[in-house]
């Protein structure tokens, strides 16, 4: 099947989205991908494509995959939306999949923005239900799993999948920021166990600064 602007020919384009940007073709990358995708007009093209993807992607039974996934996410009070890498390869000549692999930080930020806006349009109560004002897109189904021992500098800042066994873990303590800009740490002591200093604040180090 042919395509126009990376859009499969059997899908009618959304007239509200400009796939052919007046400034040029966003797929003609000039320079590093991480620098290319943050250009304003390129970001607009990415946003349009990802929004169309979330709205238009359907499974073999004709169900709207990600519209239903968003509904399930909101009903469960979650804030993470899993997007299949395989699905991304099936639209727009795989450009979204390629770029999220090469520049995941920049692309996922755009994906989060689009998913959040779409969710808020359809479910205005989302922030109350999920206790979060932002949807976080997670990429699943990466086709290649890299052995941990083979991770090298070439993998730096790229999207990869690894497999392993967790042998030890520690609790994650969120850091809070007071209005005066001084960080506070939650109480690390279990109930009934006392520790040095008042609960919820880090003990000051020499020099008067909270512990990091």
N, C-alpha and C. Protein backbone atom coordinates (compact mmCIF):
# COMPACT_ATOMS: atom_id res chain seq x y z
N UNK A 1 0.83 -1.19 0.00
CA UNK A 1 0.00 0.00 0.00
C UNK A 1 0.87 1.25 0.00
N UNK A 2 0.43 2.25 -0.71
CA UNK A 2 1.18 3.48 -0.76
C UNK A 2 0.93 4.30 0.47
N UNK A 3 1.66 5.37 0.61
CA UNK A 3 1.49 6.23 1.77
C UNK A 3 1.73 7.66 1.38
N UNK A 4 1.17 8.58 2.13
CA UNK A 4 1.36 9.99 1.93
C UNK A 4 1.81 10.60 3.24
N UNK A 5 3.04 11.12 3.25
CA UNK A 5 3.58 11.68 4.47
C UNK A 5 3.76 10.63 5.55
N UNK A 6 3.93 9.34 5.13
CA UNK A 6 4.08 8.26 6.10
C UNK A 6 2.77 7.72 6.59
N UNK A 7 1.64 8.23 6.12
CA UNK A 7 0.33 7.78 6.56
C UNK A 7 -0.16 6.68 5.65
N UNK A 8 -0.50 5.49 6.16
CA UNK A 8 -0.98 4.40 5.32
C UNK A 8 -2.15 4.86 4.46
N UNK A 9 -2.18 4.40 3.19
CA UNK A 9 -3.16 4.90 2.23
C UNK A 9 -4.58 4.51 2.59
N UNK A 10 -4.77 3.42 3.39
CA UNK A 10 -6.12 2.99 3.69
C UNK A 10 -6.72 3.75 4.88
N UNK A 11 -5.94 4.68 5.47
CA UNK A 11 -6.44 5.48 6.59
C UNK A 11 -6.56 6.92 6.14
N UNK A 12 -7.74 7.49 6.31
CA UNK A 12 -7.94 8.88 5.93
C UNK A 12 -7.22 9.79 6.93
N UNK A 13 -6.43 10.75 6.45
CA UNK A 13 -5.73 11.64 7.38
C UNK A 13 -6.69 12.56 8.11
N UNK A 14 -6.34 12.93 9.31
CA UNK A 14 -7.11 13.87 10.09
C UNK A 14 -6.84 15.26 9.53
N UNK A 15 -7.87 15.98 9.04
CA UNK A 15 -7.64 17.28 8.43
C UNK A 15 -7.09 18.32 9.40
N UNK A 16 -7.22 18.06 10.72
CA UNK A 16 -6.73 19.02 11.71
C UNK A 16 -5.23 18.94 11.88
N UNK A 17 -4.61 17.92 11.28
CA UNK A 17 -3.18 17.73 11.46
C UNK A 17 -2.45 17.96 10.14
N UNK A 18 -1.38 18.71 10.19
CA UNK A 18 -0.61 18.99 8.98
C UNK A 18 0.57 18.03 8.92
N UNK A 19 0.46 17.00 8.08
CA UNK A 19 1.55 16.04 7.97
C UNK A 19 2.67 16.61 7.10
N UNK A 20 2.32 17.47 6.17
CA UNK A 20 3.32 18.09 5.32
C UNK A 20 3.56 19.51 5.82
N UNK A 21 4.52 19.64 6.74
CA UNK A 21 4.79 20.93 7.34
C UNK A 21 5.34 21.91 6.30
N UNK A 22 4.91 23.16 6.40
CA UNK A 22 5.35 24.16 5.45
C UNK A 22 6.86 24.36 5.51
N UNK A 23 7.44 24.08 6.68
CA UNK A 23 8.88 24.31 6.85
C UNK A 23 9.72 23.22 6.21
N UNK A 24 9.12 22.11 5.85
CA UNK A 24 9.88 21.02 5.24
C UNK A 24 9.42 19.67 5.77
N UNK A 25 10.09 18.63 5.34
CA UNK A 25 9.76 17.27 5.74
C UNK A 25 10.51 16.91 7.01
N UNK A 26 9.79 16.60 8.07
CA UNK A 26 10.47 16.35 9.34
C UNK A 26 11.28 15.06 9.31
N UNK A 27 11.02 14.19 8.34
CA UNK A 27 11.76 12.92 8.28
C UNK A 27 13.15 13.09 7.67
N UNK A 28 13.42 14.25 7.10
CA UNK A 28 14.73 14.50 6.51
C UNK A 28 15.65 15.06 7.60
N UNK A 29 16.15 14.16 8.41
CA UNK A 29 16.92 14.54 9.60
C UNK A 29 18.25 15.18 9.20
N UNK A 30 18.51 16.31 9.84
CA UNK A 30 19.79 16.99 9.65
C UNK A 30 20.44 17.17 11.02
N UNK A 31 21.51 16.41 11.25
CA UNK A 31 22.18 16.46 12.54
C UNK A 31 21.74 15.32 13.43
N UNK A 32 22.20 15.30 14.69
CA UNK A 32 21.81 14.24 15.64
C UNK A 32 20.30 14.25 15.87
N UNK A 33 19.72 13.07 16.01
CA UNK A 33 18.27 12.96 16.20
C UNK A 33 17.84 13.71 17.47
N UNK A 34 18.64 13.61 18.54
CA UNK A 34 18.27 14.25 19.80
C UNK A 34 18.18 15.77 19.66
N UNK A 35 18.92 16.36 18.73
CA UNK A 35 18.85 17.80 18.49
C UNK A 35 17.76 18.13 17.47
N UNK A 36 17.52 17.20 16.56
CA UNK A 36 16.52 17.43 15.52
C UNK A 36 15.11 17.45 16.08
N UNK A 37 14.80 16.50 16.97
CA UNK A 37 13.41 16.35 17.43
C UNK A 37 12.97 17.45 18.39
N UNK A 38 13.90 18.28 18.88
CA UNK A 38 13.49 19.35 19.79
C UNK A 38 13.23 20.66 19.06
N UNK A 39 13.45 20.69 17.75
CA UNK A 39 13.10 21.87 16.97
C UNK A 39 11.59 22.04 17.00
N UNK A 40 11.13 23.26 17.14
CA UNK A 40 9.70 23.51 17.35
C UNK A 40 8.83 22.90 16.26
N UNK A 41 9.18 23.10 15.00
CA UNK A 41 8.32 22.62 13.92
C UNK A 41 8.38 21.10 13.79
N UNK A 42 9.52 20.52 14.18
CA UNK A 42 9.63 19.05 14.16
C UNK A 42 8.79 18.46 15.29
N UNK A 43 8.84 19.09 16.46
CA UNK A 43 8.01 18.65 17.60
C UNK A 43 6.53 18.66 17.23
N UNK A 44 6.10 19.70 16.50
CA UNK A 44 4.70 19.77 16.09
C UNK A 44 4.33 18.60 15.19
N UNK A 45 5.24 18.25 14.29
CA UNK A 45 4.99 17.11 13.41
C UNK A 45 4.94 15.80 14.17
N UNK A 46 5.82 15.65 15.16
CA UNK A 46 5.82 14.44 15.99
C UNK A 46 4.53 14.36 16.79
N UNK A 47 4.14 15.49 17.38
CA UNK A 47 2.91 15.52 18.17
C UNK A 47 1.70 15.11 17.31
N UNK A 48 1.62 15.63 16.10
CA UNK A 48 0.50 15.32 15.22
C UNK A 48 0.46 13.83 14.89
N UNK A 49 1.62 13.27 14.60
CA UNK A 49 1.68 11.86 14.25
C UNK A 49 1.33 10.96 15.44
N UNK A 50 1.85 11.30 16.62
CA UNK A 50 1.59 10.45 17.78
C UNK A 50 0.13 10.57 18.21
N UNK A 51 -0.45 11.76 18.10
CA UNK A 51 -1.87 11.92 18.43
C UNK A 51 -2.72 11.08 17.49
N UNK A 52 -2.39 11.13 16.21
CA UNK A 52 -3.14 10.32 15.24
C UNK A 52 -2.97 8.83 15.57
N UNK A 53 -1.75 8.44 15.93
CA UNK A 53 -1.47 7.04 16.29
C UNK A 53 -2.35 6.60 17.46
N UNK A 54 -2.42 7.40 18.52
CA UNK A 54 -3.22 7.03 19.69
C UNK A 54 -4.70 6.94 19.34
N UNK A 55 -5.15 7.80 18.45
CA UNK A 55 -6.57 7.80 18.09
C UNK A 55 -6.93 6.72 17.09
N UNK A 56 -6.02 6.43 16.16
CA UNK A 56 -6.37 5.60 15.01
C UNK A 56 -5.97 4.13 15.12
N UNK A 57 -5.00 3.79 15.97
CA UNK A 57 -4.52 2.42 16.01
C UNK A 57 -5.61 1.45 16.45
N UNK A 58 -5.84 0.43 15.63
CA UNK A 58 -6.86 -0.57 15.94
C UNK A 58 -6.28 -1.97 15.84
N UNK A 59 -6.87 -2.88 16.61
CA UNK A 59 -6.41 -4.27 16.56
C UNK A 59 -7.17 -5.04 15.49
N UNK A 60 -6.94 -6.34 15.43
CA UNK A 60 -7.55 -7.17 14.39
C UNK A 60 -9.07 -7.19 14.48
N UNK A 61 -9.60 -6.95 15.67
CA UNK A 61 -11.05 -6.95 15.86
C UNK A 61 -11.67 -5.57 15.61
N UNK A 62 -10.82 -4.59 15.29
CA UNK A 62 -11.32 -3.26 15.00
C UNK A 62 -11.46 -2.37 16.22
N UNK A 63 -10.98 -2.82 17.37
CA UNK A 63 -11.07 -2.02 18.59
C UNK A 63 -9.97 -0.96 18.61
N UNK A 64 -10.31 0.20 19.13
CA UNK A 64 -9.34 1.29 19.25
C UNK A 64 -8.39 0.97 20.41
N UNK A 65 -7.19 0.52 20.07
CA UNK A 65 -6.26 -0.02 21.06
C UNK A 65 -5.95 0.96 22.18
N UNK A 66 -5.51 2.15 21.82
CA UNK A 66 -5.02 3.07 22.84
C UNK A 66 -6.12 3.94 23.44
N UNK A 67 -7.22 4.11 22.74
CA UNK A 67 -8.36 4.77 23.38
C UNK A 67 -8.87 3.90 24.52
N UNK A 68 -8.93 2.59 24.27
CA UNK A 68 -9.37 1.67 25.32
C UNK A 68 -8.33 1.55 26.42
N UNK A 69 -7.04 1.61 26.04
CA UNK A 69 -5.98 1.54 27.05
C UNK A 69 -6.03 2.75 27.98
N UNK A 70 -6.34 3.91 27.43
CA UNK A 70 -6.46 5.11 28.25
C UNK A 70 -7.64 4.99 29.20
N UNK A 71 -8.74 4.46 28.70
CA UNK A 71 -9.92 4.26 29.56
C UNK A 71 -9.58 3.32 30.71
N UNK A 72 -8.90 2.22 30.40
CA UNK A 72 -8.52 1.26 31.44
C UNK A 72 -7.56 1.88 32.44
N UNK A 73 -6.63 2.70 31.94
CA UNK A 73 -5.67 3.37 32.82
C UNK A 73 -6.39 4.29 33.81
N UNK A 74 -7.33 5.09 33.32
CA UNK A 74 -8.05 6.02 34.19
C UNK A 74 -8.92 5.25 35.19
N UNK A 75 -9.62 4.22 34.72
CA UNK A 75 -10.48 3.44 35.61
C UNK A 75 -9.69 2.79 36.73
N UNK A 76 -8.43 2.42 36.45
CA UNK A 76 -7.59 1.78 37.46
C UNK A 76 -6.83 2.79 38.31
N UNK A 77 -6.97 4.08 38.01
CA UNK A 77 -6.27 5.10 38.78
C UNK A 77 -4.79 5.13 38.51
N UNK A 78 -4.38 4.64 37.34
CA UNK A 78 -2.95 4.63 37.01
C UNK A 78 -2.59 5.87 36.20
N UNK A 79 -1.31 6.04 35.98
CA UNK A 79 -0.82 7.18 35.20
C UNK A 79 0.19 6.77 34.14
N UNK A 80 0.37 5.46 33.94
CA UNK A 80 1.30 4.95 32.94
C UNK A 80 0.53 4.33 31.78
N UNK A 81 0.90 4.71 30.56
CA UNK A 81 0.27 4.18 29.36
C UNK A 81 1.32 3.41 28.57
N UNK A 82 1.13 2.10 28.45
CA UNK A 82 2.08 1.26 27.72
C UNK A 82 1.79 1.34 26.22
N UNK A 83 2.81 1.68 25.46
CA UNK A 83 2.70 1.77 24.00
C UNK A 83 3.65 0.74 23.39
N UNK A 84 3.12 -0.08 22.53
CA UNK A 84 3.92 -1.14 21.91
C UNK A 84 4.87 -0.58 20.85
N UNK A 85 6.13 -0.93 20.97
CA UNK A 85 7.12 -0.53 19.97
C UNK A 85 6.74 -1.09 18.61
N UNK A 86 6.22 -2.31 18.61
CA UNK A 86 5.79 -2.94 17.35
C UNK A 86 4.70 -2.12 16.68
N UNK A 87 3.74 -1.63 17.48
CA UNK A 87 2.68 -0.79 16.92
C UNK A 87 3.26 0.48 16.30
N UNK A 88 4.25 1.07 16.96
CA UNK A 88 4.86 2.30 16.44
C UNK A 88 5.53 2.08 15.09
N UNK A 89 6.04 0.87 14.87
CA UNK A 89 6.72 0.59 13.60
C UNK A 89 5.74 0.48 12.44
N UNK A 90 4.46 0.35 12.73
CA UNK A 90 3.48 0.10 11.67
C UNK A 90 2.86 1.37 11.11
N UNK A 91 3.27 2.54 11.60
CA UNK A 91 2.75 3.80 11.08
C UNK A 91 3.88 4.78 10.79
N UNK A 92 3.63 5.64 9.81
CA UNK A 92 4.55 6.73 9.48
C UNK A 92 5.95 6.23 9.15
N UNK A 93 6.01 5.13 8.40
CA UNK A 93 7.30 4.58 7.96
C UNK A 93 8.24 4.32 9.14
N UNK A 94 7.67 3.96 10.28
CA UNK A 94 8.42 3.59 11.49
C UNK A 94 9.21 4.75 12.10
N UNK A 95 8.96 5.98 11.65
CA UNK A 95 9.79 7.09 12.11
C UNK A 95 9.68 7.32 13.61
N UNK A 96 8.48 7.16 14.18
CA UNK A 96 8.32 7.35 15.62
C UNK A 96 9.10 6.30 16.40
N UNK A 97 9.07 5.06 15.92
CA UNK A 97 9.80 3.98 16.58
C UNK A 97 11.31 4.20 16.49
N UNK A 98 11.77 4.62 15.34
CA UNK A 98 13.21 4.85 15.14
C UNK A 98 13.69 5.98 16.04
N UNK A 99 12.93 7.05 16.09
CA UNK A 99 13.38 8.20 16.87
C UNK A 99 13.29 7.96 18.37
N UNK A 100 12.27 7.22 18.83
CA UNK A 100 12.19 6.96 20.27
C UNK A 100 13.31 6.03 20.70
N UNK A 101 13.84 5.24 19.77
CA UNK A 101 15.00 4.39 20.08
C UNK A 101 16.27 5.22 20.19
N UNK A 102 16.41 6.20 19.31
CA UNK A 102 17.64 6.99 19.25
C UNK A 102 17.66 8.17 20.22
N UNK A 103 16.49 8.70 20.52
CA UNK A 103 16.41 9.87 21.41
C UNK A 103 15.23 9.69 22.36
N UNK A 104 15.30 8.69 23.25
CA UNK A 104 14.15 8.38 24.10
C UNK A 104 13.74 9.49 25.05
N UNK A 105 14.68 10.20 25.63
CA UNK A 105 14.33 11.25 26.60
C UNK A 105 13.50 12.34 25.92
N UNK A 106 13.96 12.79 24.76
CA UNK A 106 13.27 13.86 24.06
C UNK A 106 11.92 13.38 23.50
N UNK A 107 11.88 12.19 22.94
CA UNK A 107 10.65 11.69 22.33
C UNK A 107 9.61 11.33 23.39
N UNK A 108 10.02 10.74 24.49
CA UNK A 108 9.05 10.36 25.52
C UNK A 108 8.44 11.60 26.18
N UNK A 109 9.19 12.68 26.24
CA UNK A 109 8.64 13.92 26.76
C UNK A 109 7.49 14.41 25.88
N UNK A 110 7.67 14.31 24.56
CA UNK A 110 6.61 14.69 23.62
C UNK A 110 5.43 13.73 23.73
N UNK A 111 5.73 12.43 23.79
CA UNK A 111 4.67 11.43 23.92
C UNK A 111 3.84 11.68 25.19
N UNK A 112 4.53 12.00 26.29
CA UNK A 112 3.83 12.26 27.55
C UNK A 112 2.88 13.45 27.40
N UNK A 113 3.36 14.50 26.75
CA UNK A 113 2.52 15.69 26.55
C UNK A 113 1.25 15.35 25.79
N UNK A 114 1.42 14.61 24.69
CA UNK A 114 0.27 14.28 23.83
C UNK A 114 -0.70 13.36 24.57
N UNK A 115 -0.17 12.32 25.23
CA UNK A 115 -1.04 11.38 25.95
C UNK A 115 -1.78 12.08 27.08
N UNK A 116 -1.11 13.01 27.74
CA UNK A 116 -1.75 13.76 28.83
C UNK A 116 -2.89 14.61 28.29
N UNK A 117 -2.64 15.33 27.22
CA UNK A 117 -3.66 16.20 26.65
C UNK A 117 -4.87 15.40 26.16
N UNK A 118 -4.63 14.27 25.50
CA UNK A 118 -5.73 13.44 25.02
C UNK A 118 -6.53 12.88 26.18
N UNK A 119 -5.84 12.44 27.23
CA UNK A 119 -6.52 11.89 28.40
C UNK A 119 -7.38 12.95 29.09
N UNK A 120 -6.84 14.15 29.24
CA UNK A 120 -7.59 15.22 29.89
C UNK A 120 -8.80 15.66 29.06
N UNK A 121 -8.68 15.57 27.75
CA UNK A 121 -9.82 15.91 26.89
C UNK A 121 -10.97 14.94 27.13
N UNK A 122 -10.64 13.68 27.25
CA UNK A 122 -11.68 12.66 27.37
C UNK A 122 -12.06 12.39 28.82
N UNK A 123 -11.13 12.62 29.75
CA UNK A 123 -11.40 12.36 31.17
C UNK A 123 -10.86 13.52 32.00
N UNK A 124 -11.60 14.61 32.09
CA UNK A 124 -11.13 15.78 32.84
C UNK A 124 -10.82 15.49 34.30
N UNK A 125 -11.43 14.43 34.86
CA UNK A 125 -11.20 14.10 36.27
C UNK A 125 -9.94 13.26 36.47
N UNK A 126 -9.18 13.02 35.40
CA UNK A 126 -7.98 12.18 35.50
C UNK A 126 -7.04 12.58 36.65
N UNK A 127 -6.71 13.87 36.82
CA UNK A 127 -5.78 14.24 37.91
C UNK A 127 -6.28 13.83 39.29
N UNK A 128 -7.60 13.89 39.48
CA UNK A 128 -8.16 13.52 40.77
C UNK A 128 -8.13 12.01 40.97
N UNK A 129 -8.46 11.28 39.92
CA UNK A 129 -8.53 9.82 40.00
C UNK A 129 -7.15 9.20 40.18
N UNK A 130 -6.17 9.69 39.43
CA UNK A 130 -4.84 9.09 39.44
C UNK A 130 -3.86 9.78 40.38
N UNK A 131 -4.30 10.93 40.96
CA UNK A 131 -3.43 11.73 41.83
C UNK A 131 -2.17 12.17 41.09
N UNK A 132 -2.33 12.39 39.80
CA UNK A 132 -1.22 12.86 38.97
C UNK A 132 -1.80 13.73 37.87
N UNK A 133 -1.09 14.75 37.49
CA UNK A 133 -1.55 15.63 36.43
C UNK A 133 -0.94 15.27 35.08
N UNK A 134 -0.17 14.17 35.03
CA UNK A 134 0.56 13.85 33.82
C UNK A 134 0.53 12.34 33.54
N UNK A 135 0.34 12.00 32.27
CA UNK A 135 0.41 10.60 31.83
C UNK A 135 1.84 10.32 31.39
N UNK A 136 2.35 9.16 31.77
CA UNK A 136 3.70 8.76 31.40
C UNK A 136 3.63 7.59 30.43
N UNK A 137 4.16 7.79 29.23
CA UNK A 137 4.16 6.73 28.21
C UNK A 137 5.34 5.80 28.46
N UNK A 138 5.05 4.50 28.47
CA UNK A 138 6.09 3.48 28.63
C UNK A 138 6.15 2.65 27.35
N UNK A 139 7.33 2.42 26.83
CA UNK A 139 7.49 1.66 25.59
C UNK A 139 7.68 0.18 25.93
N UNK A 140 6.85 -0.66 25.34
CA UNK A 140 6.94 -2.10 25.57
C UNK A 140 7.26 -2.82 24.26
N UNK A 141 7.55 -4.10 24.38
CA UNK A 141 7.75 -4.98 23.20
C UNK A 141 8.95 -4.58 22.34
N UNK A 142 10.01 -4.08 22.96
CA UNK A 142 11.23 -3.87 22.17
C UNK A 142 11.70 -5.21 21.63
N UNK A 143 12.06 -5.29 20.36
CA UNK A 143 12.36 -6.59 19.76
C UNK A 143 13.69 -7.21 20.17
N UNK A 144 14.63 -6.40 20.64
CA UNK A 144 15.96 -6.90 20.98
C UNK A 144 16.22 -6.73 22.46
N UNK A 145 16.72 -7.79 23.10
CA UNK A 145 17.10 -7.74 24.50
C UNK A 145 18.62 -7.81 24.59
N UNK A 146 19.24 -6.76 25.12
CA UNK A 146 20.70 -6.70 25.21
C UNK A 146 21.18 -7.31 26.51
N UNK A 147 22.13 -8.25 26.45
CA UNK A 147 22.71 -8.79 27.69
C UNK A 147 23.36 -7.67 28.51
N UNK A 148 23.14 -7.70 29.80
CA UNK A 148 23.66 -6.64 30.65
C UNK A 148 25.18 -6.52 30.54
N UNK A 149 25.86 -7.64 30.42
CA UNK A 149 27.32 -7.63 30.34
C UNK A 149 27.83 -6.99 29.05
N UNK A 150 26.94 -6.82 28.06
CA UNK A 150 27.37 -6.26 26.79
C UNK A 150 26.97 -4.80 26.61
N UNK A 151 26.45 -4.17 27.67
CA UNK A 151 26.10 -2.77 27.59
C UNK A 151 27.37 -1.94 27.50
N UNK A 152 27.45 -1.09 26.51
CA UNK A 152 28.64 -0.28 26.27
C UNK A 152 28.26 1.19 26.10
N UNK A 153 29.25 2.02 25.87
CA UNK A 153 29.02 3.44 25.72
C UNK A 153 28.08 3.74 24.55
N UNK A 154 28.09 2.90 23.53
CA UNK A 154 27.23 3.11 22.36
C UNK A 154 25.75 3.08 22.75
N UNK A 155 25.43 2.43 23.87
CA UNK A 155 24.04 2.36 24.33
C UNK A 155 23.62 3.58 25.14
N UNK A 156 24.57 4.45 25.44
CA UNK A 156 24.28 5.62 26.26
C UNK A 156 23.22 6.50 25.60
N UNK A 157 22.20 6.87 26.36
CA UNK A 157 21.10 7.74 25.89
C UNK A 157 20.23 7.09 24.83
N UNK A 158 20.33 5.79 24.66
CA UNK A 158 19.48 5.07 23.71
C UNK A 158 18.47 4.23 24.48
N UNK A 159 17.40 3.83 23.80
CA UNK A 159 16.38 3.00 24.43
C UNK A 159 16.75 1.53 24.22
N UNK A 160 16.96 0.81 25.33
CA UNK A 160 17.35 -0.59 25.24
C UNK A 160 16.49 -1.43 26.19
N UNK A 161 16.51 -2.73 25.97
CA UNK A 161 15.82 -3.66 26.86
C UNK A 161 16.84 -4.64 27.40
N UNK A 162 16.81 -4.85 28.71
CA UNK A 162 17.70 -5.81 29.34
C UNK A 162 16.86 -6.75 30.20
N UNK A 163 17.43 -7.89 30.51
CA UNK A 163 16.77 -8.86 31.38
C UNK A 163 17.74 -9.26 32.47
N UNK A 164 17.23 -9.48 33.65
CA UNK A 164 18.09 -9.87 34.75
C UNK A 164 17.28 -10.24 35.97
N UNK A 165 17.99 -10.63 37.02
CA UNK A 165 17.36 -11.01 38.27
C UNK A 165 17.76 -10.01 39.34
N UNK A 166 16.78 -9.45 40.03
CA UNK A 166 17.05 -8.50 41.11
C UNK A 166 17.45 -9.28 42.35
N UNK A 167 18.67 -9.08 42.81
CA UNK A 167 19.15 -9.81 43.99
C UNK A 167 19.06 -8.98 45.26
N UNK A 168 18.98 -7.66 45.12
CA UNK A 168 18.86 -6.80 46.28
C UNK A 168 18.23 -5.48 45.85
N UNK A 169 17.39 -4.96 46.71
CA UNK A 169 16.77 -3.68 46.39
C UNK A 169 16.60 -2.88 47.68
N UNK A 170 16.50 -1.59 47.54
CA UNK A 170 16.26 -0.72 48.68
C UNK A 170 15.02 0.11 48.40
N UNK A 171 14.44 0.68 49.45
CA UNK A 171 13.26 1.51 49.28
C UNK A 171 13.63 2.82 48.58
N UNK A 172 12.67 3.36 47.84
CA UNK A 172 12.88 4.64 47.17
C UNK A 172 12.16 5.70 47.98
N UNK A 173 12.91 6.70 48.43
CA UNK A 173 12.34 7.76 49.25
C UNK A 173 12.21 9.03 48.42
N UNK A 174 10.98 9.50 48.19
CA UNK A 174 10.81 10.72 47.39
C UNK A 174 11.38 11.93 48.10
N UNK A 175 11.91 12.84 47.34
CA UNK A 175 12.46 14.08 47.89
C UNK A 175 11.44 15.19 47.69
N UNK A 176 11.18 15.95 48.72
CA UNK A 176 10.26 17.06 48.64
C UNK A 176 11.04 18.37 48.70
N UNK A 177 10.44 19.40 48.14
CA UNK A 177 11.12 20.70 48.12
C UNK A 177 10.24 21.74 48.82
N UNK A 178 10.78 22.35 49.88
CA UNK A 178 10.04 23.39 50.58
C UNK A 178 10.09 24.67 49.76
N UNK A 179 9.26 25.61 50.13
CA UNK A 179 9.21 26.86 49.41
C UNK A 179 10.52 27.63 49.49
N UNK A 180 11.28 27.39 50.55
CA UNK A 180 12.55 28.11 50.67
C UNK A 180 13.66 27.45 49.87
N UNK A 181 13.31 26.37 49.15
CA UNK A 181 14.28 25.71 48.29
C UNK A 181 15.13 24.67 48.97
N UNK A 182 14.93 24.45 50.28
CA UNK A 182 15.70 23.45 51.01
C UNK A 182 14.98 22.12 50.93
N UNK A 183 15.70 21.07 50.59
CA UNK A 183 15.06 19.78 50.42
C UNK A 183 14.72 19.14 51.75
N UNK A 184 13.64 18.37 51.74
CA UNK A 184 13.23 17.60 52.90
C UNK A 184 13.14 16.14 52.49
N UNK A 185 13.48 15.26 53.37
CA UNK A 185 13.37 13.84 53.11
C UNK A 185 12.35 13.23 54.06
N UNK A 186 11.55 12.27 53.60
CA UNK A 186 10.57 11.64 54.48
C UNK A 186 11.25 10.83 55.57
N UNK A 187 10.50 10.53 56.63
CA UNK A 187 11.03 9.75 57.73
C UNK A 187 11.45 8.37 57.25
N UNK A 188 12.69 8.00 57.46
CA UNK A 188 13.19 6.71 57.00
C UNK A 188 13.05 5.62 58.05
N UNK A 189 12.50 5.97 59.22
CA UNK A 189 12.42 5.00 60.29
C UNK A 189 11.03 4.39 60.36
N UNK A 190 10.92 3.08 60.51
CA UNK A 190 9.61 2.45 60.62
C UNK A 190 8.85 2.95 61.83
N UNK A 191 7.55 2.70 61.84
CA UNK A 191 6.73 3.13 62.97
C UNK A 191 7.25 2.52 64.26
N UNK A 192 7.34 3.35 65.32
CA UNK A 192 7.79 2.85 66.60
C UNK A 192 9.29 2.91 66.79
N UNK A 193 10.02 3.27 65.74
CA UNK A 193 11.47 3.35 65.84
C UNK A 193 11.85 4.81 65.72
N UNK A 194 12.58 5.30 66.69
CA UNK A 194 12.97 6.71 66.67
C UNK A 194 14.34 6.86 66.06
N UNK A 195 14.55 8.02 65.47
CA UNK A 195 15.85 8.30 64.87
C UNK A 195 16.27 9.70 65.23
N UNK A 196 17.48 10.06 64.86
CA UNK A 196 17.99 11.39 65.16
C UNK A 196 17.29 12.41 64.31
N UNK A 197 16.90 13.52 64.95
CA UNK A 197 16.29 14.60 64.21
C UNK A 197 14.79 14.42 64.10
N UNK A 198 14.05 15.48 63.76
CA UNK A 198 12.60 15.41 63.64
C UNK A 198 12.19 14.59 62.44
N UNK A 199 11.03 13.88 62.52
CA UNK A 199 10.57 13.09 61.39
C UNK A 199 10.35 13.96 60.17
N UNK A 200 10.68 13.39 59.00
CA UNK A 200 10.38 14.06 57.74
C UNK A 200 11.45 15.04 57.30
N UNK A 201 12.51 15.22 58.08
CA UNK A 201 13.56 16.14 57.67
C UNK A 201 14.91 15.46 57.76
N UNK A 202 15.76 15.86 56.83
CA UNK A 202 17.10 15.29 56.83
C UNK A 202 17.92 15.93 57.94
N UNK A 203 18.76 15.14 58.56
CA UNK A 203 19.64 15.69 59.58
C UNK A 203 20.68 16.57 58.91
N UNK A 204 20.92 17.78 59.44
CA UNK A 204 21.88 18.68 58.80
C UNK A 204 23.30 18.15 58.88
N UNK A 205 24.06 18.39 57.84
CA UNK A 205 25.46 18.03 57.79
C UNK A 205 26.27 19.25 58.20
N UNK A 206 27.54 19.07 58.48
CA UNK A 206 28.40 20.23 58.80
C UNK A 206 28.26 21.28 57.72
N UNK A 207 28.02 22.50 58.12
CA UNK A 207 27.81 23.56 57.14
C UNK A 207 26.35 23.96 57.06
N UNK A 208 25.47 23.20 57.74
CA UNK A 208 24.07 23.58 57.81
C UNK A 208 23.20 23.11 56.68
N UNK A 209 23.71 22.28 55.76
CA UNK A 209 22.92 21.82 54.62
C UNK A 209 22.33 20.45 54.91
N UNK A 210 21.12 20.17 54.41
CA UNK A 210 20.54 18.85 54.61
C UNK A 210 21.36 17.79 53.91
N UNK A 211 21.27 16.58 54.41
CA UNK A 211 22.00 15.48 53.78
C UNK A 211 21.41 15.19 52.42
N UNK A 212 22.22 14.76 51.51
CA UNK A 212 21.77 14.47 50.15
C UNK A 212 21.58 12.98 49.97
